C-alpha atoms as a PDB file:
ATOM      1  CA  MET A   1     207.000  98.765 -66.627  1.00  0.00           C
ATOM      2  CA  ILE A   2     204.737 100.875 -64.431  1.00  0.00           C
ATOM      3  CA  VAL A   3     202.415  97.915 -63.930  1.00  0.00           C
ATOM      4  CA  VAL A   4     205.274  95.648 -62.832  1.00  0.00           C
ATOM      5  CA  ARG A   5     206.550  98.202 -60.365  1.00  0.00           C
ATOM      6  CA  ALA A   6     203.032  98.633 -58.881  1.00  0.00           C
ATOM      7  CA  ALA A   7     202.661  94.882 -58.440  1.00  0.00           C
ATOM      8  CA  ALA A   8     206.020  94.667 -56.692  1.00  0.00           C
ATOM      9  CA  LEU A   9     205.097  97.521 -54.414  1.00  0.00           C
ATOM     10  CA  ILE A  10     201.836  95.820 -53.464  1.00  0.00           C
ATOM     11  CA  ALA A  11     203.699  92.597 -52.688  1.00  0.00           C
ATOM     12  CA  LEU A  12     206.170  94.401 -50.447  1.00  0.00           C
ATOM     13  CA  LEU A  13     203.363  96.119 -48.569  1.00  0.00           C
ATOM     14  CA  SER A  14     201.597  92.773 -47.996  1.00  0.00           C
ATOM     15  CA  ILE A  15     204.756  91.210 -46.569  1.00  0.00           C
ATOM     16  CA  ALA A  16     205.243  94.162 -44.225  1.00  0.00           C
ATOM     17  CA  ILE A  17     201.654  94.012 -42.936  1.00  0.00           C
ATOM     18  CA  VAL A  18     201.817  90.245 -42.287  1.00  0.00           C
ATOM     19  CA  GLY A  19     205.165  90.549 -40.527  1.00  0.00           C
ATOM     20  CA  ASN A  20     203.946  93.404 -38.363  1.00  0.00           C
ATOM     21  CA  ALA A  21     200.832  91.417 -37.364  1.00  0.00           C
ATOM     22  CA  SER A  22     202.970  88.393 -36.461  1.00  0.00           C
ATOM     23  CA  ALA A  23     205.156  90.552 -34.285  1.00  0.00           C
ATOM     24  CA  ARG A  24     202.142  91.879 -32.377  1.00  0.00           C
ATOM     25  CA  THR A  25     200.518  88.379 -31.723  1.00  0.00           C
ATOM     26  CA  PRO A  26     202.222  86.577 -28.751  1.00  0.00           C
ATOM     27  CA  THR A  27     202.827  82.858 -28.997  1.00  0.00           C
ATOM     28  CA  PRO A  28     200.825  80.955 -26.299  1.00  0.00           C
ATOM     29  CA  THR A  29     203.031  79.381 -23.631  1.00  0.00           C
ATOM     30  CA  GLY A  30     202.407  77.149 -20.554  1.00  0.00           C
ATOM     31  CA  THR A  31     199.501  74.779 -19.754  1.00  0.00           C
ATOM     32  CA  PRO A  32     196.107  75.693 -21.141  1.00  0.00           C
ATOM     33  CA  THR A  33     193.635  76.963 -18.510  1.00  0.00           C
ATOM     34  CA  THR A  34     190.995  74.326 -17.512  1.00  0.00           C
ATOM     35  CA  VAL A  35     187.544  74.946 -16.071  1.00  0.00           C
ATOM     36  CA  PRO A  36     187.156  73.338 -12.581  1.00  0.00           C
ATOM     37  CA  PRO A  37     184.371  70.755 -12.296  1.00  0.00           C
ATOM     38  CA  ALA A  38     181.215  71.713 -10.505  1.00  0.00           C
ATOM     39  CA  THR A  39     181.142  70.851  -6.762  1.00  0.00           C
ATOM     40  CA  PRO A  40     178.574  68.060  -6.150  1.00  0.00           C
ATOM     41  CA  THR A  41     175.731  68.818  -3.788  1.00  0.00           C
ATOM     42  CA  PRO A  42     176.288  66.882  -0.504  1.00  0.00           C
ATOM     43  CA  ALA A  43     173.786  64.142   0.263  1.00  0.00           C
ATOM     44  CA  PRO A  44     171.285  65.010   2.992  1.00  0.00           C
ATOM     45  CA  PRO A  45     171.984  63.463   6.433  1.00  0.00           C
ATOM     46  CA  GLN A  46     170.423  60.047   6.988  1.00  0.00           C
ATOM     47  CA  PRO A  47     168.630  58.893  10.162  1.00  0.00           C
ATOM     48  CA  ALA A  48     170.701  57.250  12.877  1.00  0.00           C
ATOM     49  CA  LEU A  49     169.485  53.730  13.697  1.00  0.00           C
ATOM     50  CA  PHE A  50     169.431  52.112  17.140  1.00  0.00           C
ATOM     51  CA  GLY A  51     168.624  48.620  18.363  1.00  0.00           C
ATOM     52  CA  ILE A  52     167.889  48.862  22.090  1.00  0.00           C
ATOM     53  CA  PHE A  53     167.708  45.905  24.496  1.00  0.00           C
ATOM     54  CA  PRO A  54     165.866  47.257  27.576  1.00  0.00           C
ATOM     55  CA  TRP A  55     166.236  46.059  31.177  1.00  0.00           C
ATOM     56  CA  VAL A  56     163.650  46.999  33.805  1.00  0.00           C
ATOM     57  CA  ASN A  57     164.274  45.874  37.407  1.00  0.00           C
ATOM     58  CA  GLY A  58     166.632  43.146  36.269  1.00  0.00           C
ATOM     59  CA  GLN A  59     164.364  41.767  33.550  1.00  0.00           C
ATOM     60  CA  ASN A  60     164.656  42.083  29.768  1.00  0.00           C
ATOM     61  CA  THR A  61     161.189  43.563  29.437  1.00  0.00           C
ATOM     62  CA  ALA A  62     159.581  46.920  28.638  1.00  0.00           C
ATOM     63  CA  HIS A  63     156.434  48.421  27.179  1.00  0.00           C
ATOM     64  CA  SER A  64     157.990  51.460  25.518  1.00  0.00           C
ATOM     65  CA  VAL A  65     161.338  52.983  24.559  1.00  0.00           C
ATOM     66  CA  ILE A  66     161.688  56.553  23.293  1.00  0.00           C
ATOM     67  CA  ALA A  67     164.776  58.549  22.281  1.00  0.00           C
ATOM     68  CA  LYS A  68     165.352  62.241  22.937  1.00  0.00           C
ATOM     69  CA  ILE A  69     167.961  64.813  21.959  1.00  0.00           C
ATOM     70  CA  GLY A  70     167.788  67.515  24.593  1.00  0.00           C
ATOM     71  CA  GLU A  71     164.094  68.008  25.298  1.00  0.00           C
ATOM     72  CA  THR A  72     162.966  66.916  21.838  1.00  0.00           C
ATOM     73  CA  THR A  73     161.423  63.471  21.386  1.00  0.00           C
ATOM     74  CA  CYS A  74     162.938  62.201  18.153  1.00  0.00           C
ATOM     75  CA  ALA A  75     161.835  58.541  17.912  1.00  0.00           C
ATOM     76  CA  THR A  76     159.560  55.937  19.462  1.00  0.00           C
ATOM     77  CA  GLY A  77     160.772  52.351  19.503  1.00  0.00           C
ATOM     78  CA  VAL A  78     159.134  49.577  17.536  1.00  0.00           C
ATOM     79  CA  PRO A  79     159.480  46.021  18.948  1.00  0.00           C
ATOM     80  CA  GLY A  80     161.938  44.125  16.757  1.00  0.00           C
ATOM     81  CA  ALA A  81     161.631  40.620  15.359  1.00  0.00           C
ATOM     82  CA  GLY A  82     164.106  37.808  14.837  1.00  0.00           C
ATOM     83  CA  GLN A  83     165.838  38.025  18.223  1.00  0.00           C
ATOM     84  CA  VAL A  84     165.541  35.723  21.209  1.00  0.00           C
ATOM     85  CA  ARG A  85     165.620  38.708  23.582  1.00  0.00           C
ATOM     86  CA  LEU A  86     163.251  41.678  23.533  1.00  0.00           C
ATOM     87  CA  HIS A  87     164.577  44.707  21.676  1.00  0.00           C
ATOM     88  CA  PHE A  88     163.236  47.905  20.137  1.00  0.00           C
ATOM     89  CA  GLN A  89     164.237  49.519  16.846  1.00  0.00           C
ATOM     90  CA  LEU A  90     164.463  53.315  16.616  1.00  0.00           C
ATOM     91  CA  SER A  91     165.194  55.617  13.680  1.00  0.00           C
ATOM     92  CA  LEU A  92     166.283  59.149  14.688  1.00  0.00           C
ATOM     93  CA  PRO A  93     165.997  61.701  11.845  1.00  0.00           C
ATOM     94  CA  ALA A  94     168.396  64.547  11.184  1.00  0.00           C
ATOM     95  CA  GLU A  95     167.482  68.048  12.316  1.00  0.00           C
ATOM     96  CA  GLU A  96     166.921  68.981   8.663  1.00  0.00           C
ATOM     97  CA  ALA A  97     164.002  66.553   8.655  1.00  0.00           C
ATOM     98  CA  GLN A  98     162.835  67.177  12.229  1.00  0.00           C
ATOM     99  CA  PRO A  99     163.993  70.353  14.006  1.00  0.00           C
ATOM    100  CA  GLY A 100     165.826  69.735  17.257  1.00  0.00           C
ATOM    101  CA  CYS A 101     166.848  66.182  16.365  1.00  0.00           C
ATOM    102  CA  GLY A 102     169.942  64.588  14.836  1.00  0.00           C
ATOM    103  CA  ARG A 103     173.186  66.419  14.247  1.00  0.00           C
ATOM    104  CA  GLU A 104     176.703  65.003  14.310  1.00  0.00           C
ATOM    105  CA  GLY A 105     177.879  64.453  17.878  1.00  0.00           C
ATOM    106  CA  ALA A 106     174.508  65.092  19.543  1.00  0.00           C
ATOM    107  CA  VAL A 107     173.867  63.056  22.719  1.00  0.00           C
ATOM    108  CA  VAL A 108     170.843  60.740  22.545  1.00  0.00           C
ATOM    109  CA  SER A 109     169.011  59.842  25.769  1.00  0.00           C
ATOM    110  CA  PHE A 110     166.702  56.841  26.152  1.00  0.00           C
ATOM    111  CA  PHE A 111     163.581  56.521  28.284  1.00  0.00           C
ATOM    112  CA  VAL A 112     162.260  53.052  29.113  1.00  0.00           C
ATOM    113  CA  ASP A 113     158.682  52.927  30.366  1.00  0.00           C
ATOM    114  CA  GLY A 114     159.003  56.623  31.158  1.00  0.00           C
ATOM    115  CA  ARG A 115     162.254  56.329  33.160  1.00  0.00           C
ATOM    116  CA  GLN A 116     165.551  57.697  31.868  1.00  0.00           C
ATOM    117  CA  ALA A 117     168.327  55.136  31.417  1.00  0.00           C
ATOM    118  CA  ALA A 118     171.868  55.887  32.487  1.00  0.00           C
ATOM    119  CA  GLN A 119     173.205  54.775  29.093  1.00  0.00           C
ATOM    120  CA  THR A 120     173.368  57.313  26.237  1.00  0.00           C
ATOM    121  CA  ALA A 121     174.461  57.262  22.594  1.00  0.00           C
ATOM    122  CA  ILE A 122     175.977  59.661  20.045  1.00  0.00           C
ATOM    123  CA  TRP A 123     174.067  60.541  16.885  1.00  0.00           C
ATOM    124  CA  HIS A 124     175.854  59.768  13.599  1.00  0.00           C
ATOM    125  CA  SER A 125     174.212  60.025  10.198  1.00  0.00           C
ATOM    126  CA  GLY A 126     173.327  56.634   8.724  1.00  0.00           C
ATOM    127  CA  ILE A 127     175.104  54.613  11.441  1.00  0.00           C
ATOM    128  CA  SER A 128     173.406  51.633  13.123  1.00  0.00           C
ATOM    129  CA  GLN A 129     174.160  50.971  16.817  1.00  0.00           C
ATOM    130  CA  HIS A 130     172.989  48.200  19.163  1.00  0.00           C
ATOM    131  CA  PHE A 131     173.296  48.190  22.948  1.00  0.00           C
ATOM    132  CA  GLU A 132     171.578  47.613  26.296  1.00  0.00           C
ATOM    133  CA  VAL A 133     169.902  50.216  28.508  1.00  0.00           C
ATOM    134  CA  ILE A 134     168.990  49.761  32.175  1.00  0.00           C
ATOM    135  CA  VAL A 135     166.425  51.327  34.493  1.00  0.00           C
ATOM    136  CA  GLY A 136     165.818  50.326  38.102  1.00  0.00           C
ATOM    137  CA  PRO A 137     168.103  48.802  40.743  1.00  0.00           C
ATOM    138  CA  PRO A 138     171.427  47.220  39.728  1.00  0.00           C
ATOM    139  CA  PHE A 139     171.775  43.494  39.131  1.00  0.00           C
ATOM    140  CA  ALA A 140     174.407  40.938  38.123  1.00  0.00           C
ATOM    141  CA  ARG A 141     174.372  38.782  34.988  1.00  0.00           C
ATOM    142  CA  PHE A 142     175.941  35.364  34.465  1.00  0.00           C
ATOM    143  CA  SER A 143     176.130  33.065  31.458  1.00  0.00           C
ATOM    144  CA  GLY A 144     178.110  30.060  30.304  1.00  0.00           C
ATOM    145  CA  GLY A 145     177.928  26.361  29.668  1.00  0.00           C
ATOM    146  CA  VAL A 146     176.026  23.741  31.672  1.00  0.00           C
ATOM    147  CA  GLY A 147     176.786  20.094  32.235  1.00  0.00           C
ATOM    148  CA  PRO A 148     177.625  17.341  32.413  1.00  0.00           C
ATOM    149  CA  ASP A 149     174.403  16.567  30.500  1.00  0.00           C
ATOM    150  CA  ARG A 150     172.467  18.742  28.091  1.00  0.00           C
ATOM    151  CA  LEU A 151     169.631  20.578  29.850  1.00  0.00           C
ATOM    152  CA  PHE A 152     166.818  21.914  27.700  1.00  0.00           C
ATOM    153  CA  HIS A 153     164.690  24.896  28.819  1.00  0.00           C
ATOM    154  CA  GLN A 154     165.209  24.284  32.527  1.00  0.00           C
ATOM    155  CA  VAL A 155     165.087  26.922  35.265  1.00  0.00           C
ATOM    156  CA  ILE A 156     168.154  27.806  37.337  1.00  0.00           C
ATOM    157  CA  LEU A 157     167.629  29.741  40.591  1.00  0.00           C
ATOM    158  CA  SER A 158     170.343  32.079  41.863  1.00  0.00           C
ATOM    159  CA  TYR A 159     170.927  32.279  45.618  1.00  0.00           C
ATOM    160  CA  VAL A 160     172.802  34.631  47.920  1.00  0.00           C
ATOM    161  CA  GLY A 161     172.976  32.715  51.172  1.00  0.00           C
ATOM    162  CA  ASN A 162     169.526  31.185  51.670  1.00  0.00           C
ATOM    163  CA  VAL A 163     167.696  33.880  49.702  1.00  0.00           C
ATOM    164  CA  SER A 164     166.495  33.241  46.165  1.00  0.00           C
ATOM    165  CA  CYS A 165     167.642  36.319  44.248  1.00  0.00           C
ATOM    166  CA  GLY A 166     166.708  35.767  40.625  1.00  0.00           C
ATOM    167  CA  ASP A 167     166.458  33.135  37.985  1.00  0.00           C
ATOM    168  CA  GLY A 168     167.767  32.039  34.635  1.00  0.00           C
ATOM    169  CA  ARG A 169     167.125  29.383  32.042  1.00  0.00           C
ATOM    170  CA  THR A 170     169.060  26.903  30.001  1.00  0.00           C
ATOM    171  CA  GLY A 171     168.951  27.374  26.242  1.00  0.00           C
ATOM    172  CA  PRO A 172     166.995  25.542  23.543  1.00  0.00           C
ATOM    173  CA  GLN A 173     170.081  23.578  22.488  1.00  0.00           C
ATOM    174  CA  GLY A 174     170.810  22.464  26.037  1.00  0.00           C
ATOM    175  CA  TYR A 175     174.433  23.646  26.070  1.00  0.00           C
ATOM    176  CA  GLY A 176     174.283  26.978  27.928  1.00  0.00           C
ATOM    177  CA  TYR A 177     172.364  29.199  30.331  1.00  0.00           C
ATOM    178  CA  ALA A 178     171.812  32.858  31.233  1.00  0.00           C
ATOM    179  CA  ALA A 179     170.934  34.110  34.722  1.00  0.00           C
ATOM    180  CA  VAL A 180     170.179  37.359  36.540  1.00  0.00           C
ATOM    181  CA  VAL A 181     170.924  37.963  40.237  1.00  0.00           C
ATOM    182  CA  TYR A 182     169.126  40.848  41.962  1.00  0.00           C
ATOM    183  CA  SER A 183     170.781  43.343  44.289  1.00  0.00           C
ATOM    184  CA  ALA A 184     169.916  44.046  47.913  1.00  0.00           C
ATOM    185  CA  GLU A 185     168.394  47.308  46.660  1.00  0.00           C
ATOM    186  CA  GLN A 186     165.755  45.321  44.837  1.00  0.00           C
ATOM    187  CA  GLN A 187     165.322  42.419  47.266  1.00  0.00           C
ATOM    188  CA  ALA A 188     166.514  42.252  50.879  1.00  0.00           C
ATOM    189  CA  GLY A 189     169.337  39.808  51.476  1.00  0.00           C
ATOM    190  CA  CYS A 190     170.442  39.678  47.831  1.00  0.00           C
ATOM    191  CA  GLY A 191     173.604  40.821  46.103  1.00  0.00           C
ATOM    192  CA  VAL A 192     176.092  43.451  47.143  1.00  0.00           C
ATOM    193  CA  GLU A 193     179.565  43.791  45.653  1.00  0.00           C
ATOM    194  CA  GLY A 194     181.501  40.612  46.416  1.00  0.00           C
ATOM    195  CA  SER A 195     178.554  38.452  47.540  1.00  0.00           C
ATOM    196  CA  GLN A 196     178.860  34.737  46.788  1.00  0.00           C
ATOM    197  CA  VAL A 197     176.205  33.376  44.425  1.00  0.00           C
ATOM    198  CA  THR A 198     175.116  29.734  44.203  1.00  0.00           C
ATOM    199  CA  PHE A 199     172.984  28.134  41.488  1.00  0.00           C
ATOM    200  CA  LYS A 200     170.323  25.436  41.808  1.00  0.00           C
ATOM    201  CA  LEU A 201     168.526  23.524  39.084  1.00  0.00           C
ATOM    202  CA  LEU A 202     164.755  22.987  39.162  1.00  0.00           C
ATOM    203  CA  ASP A 203     162.594  20.268  37.676  1.00  0.00           C
ATOM    204  CA  ALA A 204     159.294  20.835  35.872  1.00  0.00           C
ATOM    205  CA  GLN A 205     157.432  20.903  39.214  1.00  0.00           C
ATOM    206  CA  GLY A 206     159.696  23.578  40.717  1.00  0.00           C
ATOM    207  CA  ASN A 207     161.682  21.253  42.975  1.00  0.00           C
ATOM    208  CA  VAL A 208     165.435  21.648  43.341  1.00  0.00           C
ATOM    209  CA  ILE A 209     167.075  18.597  41.814  1.00  0.00           C
ATOM    210  CA  ALA A 210     170.722  19.634  41.573  1.00  0.00           C
ATOM    211  CA  VAL A 211     173.172  22.245  42.807  1.00  0.00           C
ATOM    212  CA  ALA A 212     176.078  23.660  40.823  1.00  0.00           C
ATOM    213  CA  ARG A 213     179.555  22.852  42.063  1.00  0.00           C
ATOM    214  CA  GLU A 214     180.735  26.321  40.991  1.00  0.00           C
ATOM    215  CA  THR A 215     179.852  29.628  42.666  1.00  0.00           C
ATOM    216  CA  GLY A 216     179.943  33.165  41.298  1.00  0.00           C
ATOM    217  CA  THR A 217     180.761  36.578  42.736  1.00  0.00           C
ATOM    218  CA  TRP A 218     178.138  39.327  42.578  1.00  0.00           C
ATOM    219  CA  HIS A 219     179.124  42.438  40.610  1.00  0.00           C
ATOM    220  CA  ALA A 220     176.695  45.026  39.287  1.00  0.00           C
ATOM    221  CA  TRP A 221     176.391  44.801  35.508  1.00  0.00           C
ATOM    222  CA  ASP A 222     177.034  48.055  33.636  1.00  0.00           C
ATOM    223  CA  GLY A 223     175.058  47.254  30.479  1.00  0.00           C
ATOM    224  CA  VAL A 224     178.199  47.515  28.357  1.00  0.00           C
ATOM    225  CA  SER A 225     180.464  44.638  29.339  1.00  0.00           C
ATOM    226  CA  ASP A 226     179.615  40.999  28.688  1.00  0.00           C
ATOM    227  CA  PRO A 227     177.863  38.992  31.427  1.00  0.00           C
ATOM    228  CA  GLN A 228     180.204  37.189  33.790  1.00  0.00           C
ATOM    229  CA  GLN A 229     181.236  33.874  32.261  1.00  0.00           C
ATOM    230  CA  LEU A 230     180.781  30.886  34.567  1.00  0.00           C
ATOM    231  CA  ASN A 231     180.413  27.293  33.386  1.00  0.00           C
ATOM    232  CA  LEU A 232     178.154  25.307  35.711  1.00  0.00           C
ATOM    233  CA  THR A 233     178.301  21.584  36.386  1.00  0.00           C
ATOM    234  CA  PHE A 234     175.413  20.151  38.375  1.00  0.00           C
ATOM    235  CA  GLY A 235     175.882  17.332  40.857  1.00  0.00           C
ATOM    236  CA  PRO A 236     173.096  15.311  42.498  1.00  0.00           C
ATOM    237  CA  ALA A 237     170.814  17.155  44.899  1.00  0.00           C
ATOM    238  CA  GLY A 238     171.033  14.572  47.708  1.00  0.00           C
ATOM    239  CA  GLY A 239     170.152  16.337  50.951  1.00  0.00           C
ATOM    240  CA  ILE A 240     170.205  19.922  49.644  1.00  0.00           C
ATOM    241  CA  THR A 241     167.379  22.292  50.385  1.00  0.00           C
ATOM    242  CA  THR A 242     164.817  24.000  48.219  1.00  0.00           C
ATOM    243  CA  PRO A 243     162.747  27.205  48.575  1.00  0.00           C
ATOM    244  CA  ASN A 244     159.520  26.975  50.527  1.00  0.00           C
ATOM    245  CA  THR A 245     157.181  28.301  47.868  1.00  0.00           C
ATOM    246  CA  GLY A 246     154.299  28.354  50.340  1.00  0.00           C
ATOM    247  CA  THR A 247     155.723  31.160  52.483  1.00  0.00           C
ATOM    248  CA  GLY A 248     157.794  33.122  50.020  1.00  0.00           C
ATOM    249  CA  ASP A 249     160.060  34.261  52.867  1.00  0.00           C
ATOM    250  CA  GLY A 250     163.214  32.519  51.642  1.00  0.00           C
ATOM    251  CA  THR A 251     163.097  29.694  54.197  1.00  0.00           C
ATOM    252  CA  GLU A 252     163.917  26.249  52.887  1.00  0.00           C
ATOM    253  CA  ARG A 253     162.762  22.662  53.320  1.00  0.00           C
ATOM    254  CA  ALA A 254     164.420  19.294  52.673  1.00  0.00           C
ATOM    255  CA  ALA A 255     164.401  18.036  49.114  1.00  0.00           C
ATOM    256  CA  ALA A 256     162.950  14.657  48.184  1.00  0.00           C
ATOM    257  CA  PRO A 257     165.391  11.843  49.103  1.00  0.00           C
ATOM    258  CA  TRP A 258     165.345  10.553  45.532  1.00  0.00           C
ATOM    259  CA  GLY A 259     166.799  13.821  44.225  1.00  0.00           C
ATOM    260  CA  PRO A 260     169.628  12.116  42.210  1.00  0.00           C
ATOM    261  CA  LEU A 261     167.075  10.016  40.386  1.00  0.00           C
ATOM    262  CA  ALA A 262     164.960  13.107  39.688  1.00  0.00           C
ATOM    263  CA  LEU A 263     167.842  14.691  37.784  1.00  0.00           C
ATOM    264  CA  ALA A 264     167.847  11.753  35.381  1.00  0.00           C
ATOM    265  CA  LEU A 265     164.063  11.760  35.171  1.00  0.00           C
ATOM    266  CA  ALA A 266     163.932  15.455  34.330  1.00  0.00           C
ATOM    267  CA  SER A 267     166.188  14.888  31.332  1.00  0.00           C
ATOM    268  CA  LEU A 268     163.975  12.042  30.109  1.00  0.00           C
ATOM    269  CA  GLY A 269     160.736  13.988  30.406  1.00  0.00           C
ATOM    270  CA  LEU A 270     157.696  13.521  32.598  1.00  0.00           C
ATOM    271  CA  THR A 271     156.358  10.405  30.832  1.00  0.00           C
ATOM    272  CA  GLY A 272     159.664   8.564  30.790  1.00  0.00           C
ATOM    273  CA  GLY A 273     160.314   9.636  34.385  1.00  0.00           C
ATOM    274  CA  ILE A 274     157.089   8.144  35.676  1.00  0.00           C
ATOM    275  CA  ALA A 275     157.828   4.875  33.891  1.00  0.00           C
ATOM    276  CA  ALA A 276     161.375   4.722  35.265  1.00  0.00           C
ATOM    277  CA  LEU A 277     160.193   5.449  38.799  1.00  0.00           C
ATOM    278  CA  ALA A 278     157.544   2.692  38.571  1.00  0.00           C
ATOM    279  CA  PHE A 279     160.190   0.230  37.319  1.00  0.00           C
ATOM    280  CA  ARG A 280     162.487   1.131  40.236  1.00  0.00           C
ATOM    281  CA  ARG A 281     159.723   0.623  42.793  1.00  0.00           C
ATOM    282  CA  ARG A 282     158.792  -2.751  41.256  1.00  0.00           C
ATOM    283  CA  ALA A 283     162.428  -3.877  41.408  1.00  0.00           C
ATOM    284  CA  MET A 284     162.647  -2.922  45.087  1.00  0.00           C
ATOM    285  CA  THR A 285     159.597  -5.049  45.994  1.00  0.00           C
ATOM    286  CA  ARG A 286     160.962  -8.244  44.456  1.00  0.00           C
END
C-alpha cells in the first residue's frame, strides 16, 4: 500500500512540473523573423565613350582631338575606322581610375588641333555619344539629292555672288551630295546670314558644266542640327561663267560653248566623251 501511494505521489508531482513548465513557455505568434540578404557591391563606374567628328575651318579634318574635364586631360582620340567621314574615338575613365576625370554630370571639353571647341558633352558611366565639334570661323552646310541624272564623285562649287566660297562632292552612288559654304569671316565676299548661295557642277578638268536651278540661303551651322536639305537639279551650262583658276581672285570667264554636251560627256567618262565629241565633229563636216 505504501508503494502504491508513493507511485501515485510521484505521478502527481510529474504532472504538476510539466504543467508549470507549459505555463511559463509562451506560444510563438506572428511571422518568423527573416535575415535580410546582403547588399551587393555596386559595379565600378565604366568609361564614357565618345565618337567625335571634327571640323576645322569648315573642313572635316584634324590631326588630334583630346578631351578634358576641368584642367585634367582624360583622353586622346584615336582615328576611327568604318566611316566615310573622319572621326576620333575617345574613352574617358572614371575618377576612380584616373583622378580628376569622369564623374556623373561632369562637363567634358574637346580640343581639336589645340583649339577648344564650343561644343561640350556630359560624362555618363558606360554611355556612348557621337557628335560634331567645330573650331574656326562659322560655315554653312547643305546636302540633298542631285539630278536629273546620277552624278558619281563630281565636284560642286558653292558661290555667293561671283565668289567661290567652298565645295562639295556627289556621293559614290550618284544620288546625293554634301557641300560646305564658307563665311565672310573665313573668306572675303562669302556667306553672312541670309546670303543667297548658288551651286555649279564641275567636270574632271575643273570646268563648270552645269548650274543648279535651286539656290540656298546661308545660315551658320551649329554642329548639332542637320545640314540644310536642298535637292539640286542641274541644267545645261550654256553661257554661264566659271572661276578663273589662273588668278584666284574670284573673277570669271566664259564657259566653253559646248557646255551642254560636256554634261553628257562627263557622265560617260573621259574615253567615251572623246569618242562622242569626235563623232559629232565628223557629222558636222559631212
